[in-house]
Amino acid sequence: MSALKRPDVIRGETEVQKLRNSHPELTEVDAFSRQIKELFFIDNHAFIGVPKEDAYASNEFKNYASSKEGAFVYVYFPWLNTVVKTVDAEDYFVLKTNRNQDLITAEEQKKLRDYKVAVLGMSVGSNIAFVLTQAGISNSIILADFDELDTTNLNRILAGIHEVGLNKTVVAAHRVYEDNPFAQVITLPEGVNETNLEELIKAGEVDCIVEEIDDLPFKIHARLLAMKYHIPVVMVTDNGDGVVLHVERYDLGHDKIWGKPHAYYEEKLADGPMTKEKAGGIIIHDIVGGPHRVDPKMIASVKRVLAKELVSWSQLGSAAILGAVMATYAIKEIALGAGTDKDIRAWITPEQIEKGNHTHS
C-alpha cells in the first residue's frame, strides 16, 4: 500500500540548495514573479484596465515588487521531483480565490476555507475533493479509501497511467496538493470504519461527511454516527449520464436515512448478511427512488454484472464530474448556513438541464 509523500514547504536558499544538490534532475518553476504581477492589480485597483506593460513599468509596481521581494517560499513536490517558488499561504489564498468574487464574498470564502469535509470513497469522491479544493473549500480535508488505482478507474478518476497501483487517497491527495500546496490533507489509505470516523468527529476534524462508499452497511453506520454528532451528509449516486444528489441535514435534526426511520435499516442489518440482492433493492428503491428513476442502461448493466458478463457496473467520468459539481454546491450552501430543508434528493440529468428544469423531493 503506497504512502503519501506530502509537499515540503522550504524557507531559505540554503535549504533549496541542499535539495538541488541531492536531486540533480530537479525541475524548478518560478511562479512567484508572475504571482507578484497578479497581486499588484488585486491590491492596486487604480491600475485595473491599464496596459500591463505600462503598469509593470510604473514606479508603483517597482515599489510594490520591492515590498514583496522576500514574501515567498519554495514548495517541493516529491512525486513530481519539482520545486516551485511561490507566494506564501495567505497571498496564495488571495490569488486562488480572487476570481470567485463576488459569487463568493471574502467573508464567505474564509468560512468555506475553514469548513472541514471528510470525503469517504475516492471514485466519485476524488472528483468532489478536487472541485472543493478548486473552489477554496475545506483547506483541511479528509480522504479515505483502501483501494488502489486501476487502469479501468481512469475513465472517471482524475489521474494518469503513471499512478496505476497507488492508493486512491494518495492519487487524490496529489491533485489537492498540486492545486493548493498549503492544504492540510488527512489520508486514510486503510479505509474508513466506524471507529476512526468517530475519532475524527470527536477531534473536531469533520464538519460535513461526503459519503461515497460502496459498502452498504457502512453507509448506514456512517449516517447513524452523523445523527449522533449532528453532522450533515452529502452523497452523489451515478445514474447513467446523470446523478442523484442526496443531502441529509443531521445538523438540523434530521433523523431518517434515505427518507425512512433508521430502525428500518437497523433491522435490515440485523437480518443476516447484506447480499447483493438486498443491497441492490435498497439502492434502487431507497437511494435512487424506484426503478422508474434508474437509467435503463444502468439496469441493463446491473443485469450483466449479475450474469458475470461485466466486471462491475458502468460509470461515466462525465457523471462523476457532474456529481462533484452538485456536491460542491450543496456543501457550499450548507457551510454558509443556507437552506432549511432537512432531507433533499434531486435527480439531475443532462436532458433535464437542457429543458431548464430538475426534479427534487
Protein backbone atom coordinates (compact mmCIF):
# COMPACT_ATOMS: atom_id res chain seq x y z
CA MET A 1 0.00 0.00 0.00
CA SER A 2 1.53 3.31 -1.07
CA ALA A 3 2.32 6.02 1.47
CA LEU A 4 1.62 9.66 0.81
CA LYS A 5 4.61 11.95 0.32
CA ARG A 6 3.47 15.43 1.26
CA PRO A 7 4.86 18.58 -0.35
CA ASP A 8 7.63 20.22 1.65
CA VAL A 9 7.45 23.97 2.28
CA ILE A 10 11.03 25.24 2.28
CA ARG A 11 12.19 28.64 3.51
CA GLY A 12 15.63 29.92 2.69
CA GLU A 13 18.07 29.49 -0.17
CA THR A 14 20.38 27.24 1.84
CA GLU A 15 17.75 24.52 2.17
CA VAL A 16 16.81 24.82 -1.50
CA GLN A 17 20.45 24.42 -2.50
CA LYS A 18 20.63 21.22 -0.43
CA LEU A 19 17.62 19.98 -2.38
CA ARG A 20 19.32 20.83 -5.68
CA ASN A 21 22.47 19.02 -4.62
CA SER A 22 20.60 15.88 -3.61
CA HIS A 23 18.29 15.86 -6.66
CA PRO A 24 20.34 16.64 -9.79
CA GLU A 25 17.29 16.03 -12.03
CA LEU A 26 15.19 18.52 -10.06
CA THR A 27 12.75 20.66 -12.08
CA GLU A 28 12.43 24.27 -10.87
CA VAL A 29 9.44 26.52 -11.54
CA ASP A 30 9.28 30.22 -10.71
CA ALA A 31 5.62 31.06 -10.17
CA PHE A 32 6.49 33.91 -7.81
CA SER A 33 7.43 36.51 -10.44
CA ARG A 34 4.06 36.12 -12.18
CA GLN A 35 2.17 35.99 -8.89
CA ILE A 36 3.54 39.37 -7.80
CA LYS A 37 2.21 40.87 -11.01
CA GLU A 38 -1.21 39.35 -10.35
CA LEU A 39 -1.23 40.58 -6.75
CA PHE A 40 -0.29 44.09 -7.88
CA PHE A 41 -3.55 44.53 -9.78
CA ILE A 42 -5.55 42.99 -6.93
CA ASP A 43 -4.00 45.39 -4.41
CA ASN A 44 -3.88 48.45 -6.72
CA HIS A 45 -7.29 48.94 -8.31
CA ALA A 46 -6.24 52.21 -9.94
CA PHE A 47 -4.23 50.16 -12.44
CA ILE A 48 -7.09 47.91 -13.50
CA GLY A 49 -7.55 48.48 -17.23
CA VAL A 50 -4.08 49.97 -17.68
CA PRO A 51 -2.00 48.01 -20.23
CA LYS A 52 0.10 45.51 -18.32
CA GLU A 53 3.38 46.71 -19.85
CA ASP A 54 2.67 50.24 -18.64
CA ALA A 55 1.65 49.06 -15.19
CA TYR A 56 4.79 46.96 -14.77
CA ALA A 57 6.97 49.91 -15.87
CA SER A 58 5.45 52.21 -13.24
CA ASN A 59 7.17 53.29 -10.04
CA GLU A 60 4.17 51.99 -8.13
CA PHE A 61 4.79 48.46 -9.40
CA LYS A 62 8.54 48.68 -8.74
CA ASN A 63 7.86 49.77 -5.16
CA TYR A 64 5.24 47.06 -4.73
CA ALA A 65 7.55 44.35 -6.09
CA SER A 66 10.29 45.57 -3.78
CA SER A 67 7.96 45.34 -0.77
CA LYS A 68 7.14 41.75 -1.69
CA GLU A 69 10.72 40.77 -2.54
CA GLY A 70 11.11 38.29 0.30
CA ALA A 71 7.49 37.16 0.60
CA PHE A 72 7.99 33.76 -0.96
CA VAL A 73 8.54 30.12 -0.08
CA TYR A 74 9.61 27.08 -2.05
CA VAL A 75 7.32 24.08 -2.30
CA TYR A 76 8.85 20.73 -3.19
CA PHE A 77 6.56 18.10 -4.71
CA PRO A 78 8.47 14.80 -4.24
CA TRP A 79 6.22 12.78 -6.56
CA LEU A 80 6.98 15.28 -9.36
CA ASN A 81 10.60 15.94 -8.33
CA THR A 82 9.71 19.60 -8.82
CA VAL A 83 10.23 22.65 -6.62
CA VAL A 84 8.11 25.75 -7.10
CA LYS A 85 8.93 29.26 -5.91
CA THR A 86 5.61 30.74 -4.82
CA VAL A 87 3.97 33.35 -2.63
CA ASP A 88 3.19 32.30 0.95
CA ALA A 89 -0.07 30.69 2.08
CA GLU A 90 -2.06 33.88 2.69
CA ASP A 91 -1.15 35.55 -0.59
CA TYR A 92 -1.78 32.24 -2.37
CA PHE A 93 -5.28 32.12 -0.88
CA VAL A 94 -5.92 35.66 -2.15
CA LEU A 95 -4.81 34.69 -5.65
CA LYS A 96 -6.54 31.33 -5.66
CA THR A 97 -9.94 32.73 -4.71
CA ASN A 98 -9.81 36.13 -6.43
CA ARG A 99 -11.90 35.04 -9.40
CA ASN A 100 -14.58 33.68 -7.05
CA GLN A 101 -15.60 37.25 -6.13
CA ASP A 102 -18.40 38.32 -5.86
CA LEU A 103 -20.03 34.97 -6.44
CA ILE A 104 -18.43 34.19 -3.08
CA THR A 105 -17.63 37.14 -0.82
CA ALA A 106 -14.31 37.42 1.03
CA GLU A 107 -16.07 36.73 4.34
CA GLU A 108 -17.82 33.69 2.90
CA GLN A 109 -14.59 32.42 1.39
CA LYS A 110 -12.92 32.39 4.80
CA LYS A 111 -15.83 30.39 6.22
CA LEU A 112 -15.55 27.93 3.35
CA ARG A 113 -11.79 27.60 3.80
CA ASP A 114 -12.26 26.69 7.48
CA TYR A 115 -15.11 24.24 6.81
CA LYS A 116 -13.80 20.68 7.25
CA VAL A 117 -15.03 17.98 4.90
CA ALA A 118 -14.43 14.24 5.12
CA VAL A 119 -14.66 12.59 1.70
CA LEU A 120 -15.19 8.86 2.08
CA GLY A 121 -14.61 6.84 -1.10
CA MET A 122 -12.30 8.01 -3.86
CA SER A 123 -14.17 7.19 -7.07
CA VAL A 124 -16.73 9.98 -7.40
CA GLY A 125 -15.28 11.22 -4.11
CA SER A 126 -11.90 12.04 -5.64
CA ASN A 127 -13.63 14.38 -8.09
CA ILE A 128 -15.58 16.00 -5.27
CA ALA A 129 -12.38 16.53 -3.26
CA PHE A 130 -10.71 18.25 -6.21
CA VAL A 131 -13.65 20.52 -7.06
CA LEU A 132 -13.92 21.50 -3.38
CA THR A 133 -10.23 22.41 -3.42
CA GLN A 134 -10.61 24.41 -6.63
CA ALA A 135 -13.43 26.38 -5.01
CA GLY A 136 -11.33 27.16 -1.94
CA ILE A 137 -13.49 24.97 0.30
CA SER A 138 -12.11 22.79 3.12
CA ASN A 139 -8.45 23.72 3.45
CA SER A 140 -8.41 20.82 5.93
CA ILE A 141 -9.80 17.77 4.14
CA ILE A 142 -10.00 14.05 4.91
CA LEU A 143 -9.68 11.47 2.12
CA ALA A 144 -10.47 7.81 2.76
CA ASP A 145 -10.23 4.69 0.59
CA PHE A 146 -8.42 1.36 0.99
CA ASP A 147 -8.36 0.61 -2.76
CA GLU A 148 -5.61 1.13 -5.31
CA LEU A 149 -5.92 2.81 -8.70
CA ASP A 150 -6.55 0.52 -11.70
CA THR A 151 -6.47 1.48 -15.35
CA THR A 152 -10.24 0.86 -15.56
CA ASN A 153 -10.68 3.67 -13.00
CA LEU A 154 -9.18 6.24 -15.37
CA ASN A 155 -12.49 6.88 -17.12
CA ARG A 156 -13.73 8.76 -14.03
CA ILE A 157 -10.81 9.47 -11.67
CA LEU A 158 -8.57 12.47 -12.33
CA ALA A 159 -5.30 10.59 -12.55
CA GLY A 160 -2.73 9.30 -15.03
CA ILE A 161 -1.40 5.94 -16.08
CA HIS A 162 1.82 6.64 -14.16
CA GLU A 163 -0.24 6.45 -10.94
CA VAL A 164 -1.74 2.99 -11.52
CA GLY A 165 -1.12 0.90 -8.41
CA LEU A 166 -1.08 3.85 -6.00
CA ASN A 167 -3.62 4.00 -3.22
CA LYS A 168 -6.55 6.16 -4.36
CA THR A 169 -6.21 8.52 -1.39
CA VAL A 170 -2.62 9.21 -2.44
CA VAL A 171 -3.70 9.94 -6.01
CA ALA A 172 -6.48 12.27 -4.82
CA ALA A 173 -4.17 13.98 -2.32
CA HIS A 174 -1.67 14.69 -5.11
CA ARG A 175 -4.38 16.54 -7.05
CA VAL A 176 -5.39 18.50 -3.96
CA TYR A 177 -1.81 19.47 -3.10
CA GLU A 178 -0.95 20.41 -6.68
CA ASP A 179 -3.92 22.80 -6.65
CA ASN A 180 -3.26 24.04 -3.10
CA PRO A 181 0.16 23.12 -1.69
CA PHE A 182 -0.81 24.68 1.65
CA ALA A 183 -3.78 22.36 2.20
CA GLN A 184 -3.90 20.07 5.21
CA VAL A 185 -4.83 16.62 3.94
CA ILE A 186 -5.54 13.69 6.23
CA THR A 187 -5.47 10.42 4.31
CA LEU A 188 -6.93 7.10 5.44
CA PRO A 189 -5.33 4.63 2.99
CA GLU A 190 -6.53 1.74 5.14
CA GLY A 191 -10.09 2.91 4.58
CA VAL A 192 -12.70 4.30 6.93
CA ASN A 193 -14.62 2.49 9.64
CA GLU A 194 -16.91 3.43 12.49
CA THR A 195 -14.01 3.72 14.94
CA ASN A 196 -11.69 6.04 13.02
CA LEU A 197 -14.59 8.13 11.70
CA GLU A 198 -15.94 8.70 15.21
CA GLU A 199 -12.45 9.57 16.45
CA LEU A 200 -12.09 12.21 13.73
CA ILE A 201 -15.53 13.64 14.51
CA LYS A 202 -14.74 13.83 18.23
CA ALA A 203 -11.43 15.55 17.42
CA GLY A 204 -13.33 18.31 15.58
CA GLU A 205 -11.93 17.33 12.18
CA VAL A 206 -15.31 16.83 10.45
CA ASP A 207 -17.98 19.46 9.73
CA CYS A 208 -19.54 17.55 6.82
CA ILE A 209 -19.38 13.98 5.51
CA VAL A 210 -19.31 13.20 1.80
CA GLU A 211 -20.26 9.54 1.70
CA GLU A 212 -19.26 7.67 -1.47
CA ILE A 213 -18.51 4.21 -0.06
CA ASP A 214 -19.68 1.09 -1.91
CA ASP A 215 -20.22 -0.89 1.30
CA LEU A 216 -23.92 -0.53 2.14
CA PRO A 217 -23.72 -1.45 5.87
CA PHE A 218 -21.10 1.26 6.34
CA LYS A 219 -23.28 3.79 4.53
CA ILE A 220 -25.89 3.16 7.20
CA HIS A 221 -23.43 3.17 10.11
CA ALA A 222 -21.91 6.46 8.88
CA ARG A 223 -25.35 8.07 8.95
CA LEU A 224 -26.04 6.76 12.45
CA LEU A 225 -22.81 8.45 13.55
CA ALA A 226 -23.82 11.61 11.69
CA MET A 227 -27.13 11.62 13.57
CA LYS A 228 -25.35 11.14 16.88
CA TYR A 229 -22.98 14.05 16.33
CA HIS A 230 -25.24 16.25 14.18
CA ILE A 231 -23.07 16.17 11.04
CA PRO A 232 -24.64 16.75 7.59
CA VAL A 233 -24.14 14.05 4.96
CA VAL A 234 -23.90 14.65 1.20
CA MET A 235 -23.98 11.77 -1.28
CA VAL A 236 -23.97 11.54 -5.06
CA THR A 237 -25.06 8.38 -6.88
CA ASP A 238 -24.24 7.73 -10.54
CA ASN A 239 -27.27 7.22 -12.76
CA GLY A 240 -26.14 6.84 -16.36
CA ASP A 241 -25.35 10.31 -17.73
CA GLY A 242 -26.97 11.86 -14.68
CA VAL A 243 -26.66 11.72 -10.90
CA VAL A 244 -28.83 11.59 -7.84
CA LEU A 245 -27.83 14.13 -5.18
CA HIS A 246 -28.86 13.32 -1.63
CA VAL A 247 -28.40 15.79 1.23
CA GLU A 248 -29.30 14.71 4.76
CA ARG A 249 -29.18 17.55 7.29
CA TYR A 250 -28.48 15.71 10.50
CA ASP A 251 -27.07 19.02 11.74
CA LEU A 252 -30.65 20.36 11.62
CA GLY A 253 -32.17 17.44 13.49
CA HIS A 254 -32.98 15.12 10.58
CA ASP A 255 -33.46 11.59 11.95
CA LYS A 256 -34.09 9.38 8.92
CA ILE A 257 -31.90 7.51 6.46
CA TRP A 258 -32.88 7.93 2.82
CA GLY A 259 -36.32 9.02 3.95
CA LYS A 260 -37.01 6.07 6.25
CA PRO A 261 -36.66 5.63 10.04
CA HIS A 262 -33.19 4.43 10.95
CA ALA A 263 -34.76 1.45 12.78
CA TYR A 264 -35.82 0.14 9.36
CA TYR A 265 -32.17 -0.14 8.28
CA GLU A 266 -31.00 -1.43 11.64
CA GLU A 267 -33.45 -4.31 11.13
CA LYS A 268 -32.04 -4.85 7.63
CA LEU A 269 -28.53 -5.09 9.06
CA ALA A 270 -29.65 -7.47 11.80
CA ASP A 271 -31.44 -9.70 9.30
CA GLY A 272 -28.43 -11.68 8.08
CA PRO A 273 -25.62 -10.71 5.67
CA MET A 274 -26.08 -7.84 3.22
CA THR A 275 -26.45 -9.80 -0.02
CA LYS A 276 -26.09 -8.24 -3.48
CA GLU A 277 -29.83 -8.63 -3.98
CA LYS A 278 -30.69 -6.94 -0.68
CA ALA A 279 -28.19 -4.13 -1.31
CA GLY A 280 -29.45 -3.71 -4.88
CA GLY A 281 -33.02 -3.34 -3.63
CA ILE A 282 -32.02 -0.61 -1.17
CA ILE A 283 -30.00 1.26 -3.80
CA ILE A 284 -32.75 1.15 -6.44
CA HIS A 285 -35.78 1.76 -4.22
CA ASP A 286 -34.47 3.83 -1.30
CA ILE A 287 -31.45 5.71 -2.65
CA VAL A 288 -32.34 6.29 -6.30
CA GLY A 289 -36.10 6.43 -5.69
CA GLY A 290 -37.50 3.44 -7.56
CA PRO A 291 -36.87 1.54 -10.81
CA HIS A 292 -38.58 4.28 -12.83
CA ARG A 293 -35.82 6.65 -11.71
CA VAL A 294 -32.97 4.41 -12.82
CA ASP A 295 -31.43 4.95 -16.25
CA PRO A 296 -32.48 1.91 -18.36
CA LYS A 297 -28.90 1.42 -19.49
CA MET A 298 -27.86 1.16 -15.84
CA ILE A 299 -30.46 -1.58 -15.30
CA ALA A 300 -29.05 -3.45 -18.29
CA SER A 301 -25.53 -3.02 -16.88
CA VAL A 302 -26.54 -4.39 -13.46
CA LYS A 303 -28.13 -7.43 -15.12
CA ARG A 304 -24.88 -8.11 -16.99
CA VAL A 305 -22.89 -7.76 -13.77
CA LEU A 306 -25.14 -10.29 -12.02
CA ALA A 307 -24.75 -12.61 -15.02
CA LYS A 308 -20.97 -12.21 -14.74
CA GLU A 309 -20.73 -10.67 -18.20
CA LEU A 310 -19.29 -7.40 -16.81
CA VAL A 311 -16.65 -7.00 -14.12
CA SER A 312 -18.53 -4.13 -12.45
CA TRP A 313 -21.40 -1.72 -13.05
CA SER A 314 -20.98 1.03 -15.60
CA GLN A 315 -19.94 4.54 -14.59
CA LEU A 316 -19.12 7.60 -16.68
CA GLY A 317 -16.49 10.22 -16.00
CA SER A 318 -18.85 12.98 -17.11
CA ALA A 319 -21.37 11.86 -14.48
CA ALA A 320 -18.62 11.78 -11.85
CA ILE A 321 -17.69 15.38 -12.63
CA LEU A 322 -21.37 16.42 -12.69
CA GLY A 323 -21.76 14.80 -9.28
CA ALA A 324 -18.70 16.65 -7.99
CA VAL A 325 -20.17 19.97 -9.11
CA MET A 326 -23.52 19.27 -7.45
CA ALA A 327 -21.95 18.02 -4.22
CA THR A 328 -19.67 21.06 -4.03
CA TYR A 329 -22.63 23.38 -4.50
CA ALA A 330 -24.55 21.60 -1.73
CA ILE A 331 -21.58 21.74 0.65
CA LYS A 332 -21.06 25.44 -0.07
CA GLU A 333 -24.69 26.16 0.78
CA ILE A 334 -24.51 24.11 3.99
CA ALA A 335 -21.26 25.76 5.10
CA LEU A 336 -22.69 29.24 4.55
CA GLY A 337 -25.85 28.45 6.50
CA ALA A 338 -28.24 28.46 3.56
CA GLY A 339 -31.25 26.18 3.29
CA THR A 340 -33.59 24.74 5.87
CA ASP A 341 -34.67 21.53 4.14
CA LYS A 342 -33.58 18.58 6.25
CA ASP A 343 -33.71 15.96 3.51
CA ILE A 344 -33.11 16.74 -0.17
CA ARG A 345 -32.97 14.33 -3.07
CA ALA A 346 -32.50 15.72 -6.57
CA TRP A 347 -32.26 13.89 -9.88
CA ILE A 348 -30.01 15.75 -12.32
CA THR A 349 -29.62 14.66 -15.94
CA PRO A 350 -28.26 16.48 -19.00
CA GLU A 351 -31.72 16.23 -20.57
CA GLN A 352 -33.36 17.99 -17.62
CA ILE A 353 -30.68 20.66 -17.59
CA GLU A 354 -31.28 21.29 -21.30
CA LYS A 355 -35.00 21.73 -20.62
CA GLY A 356 -34.24 24.10 -17.79
CA ASN A 357 -35.79 22.07 -15.00
CA HIS A 358 -35.00 19.46 -12.40
CA THR A 359 -36.94 17.24 -10.06
CA HIS A 360 -36.42 17.08 -6.34
CA SER A 361 -38.10 15.87 -3.20
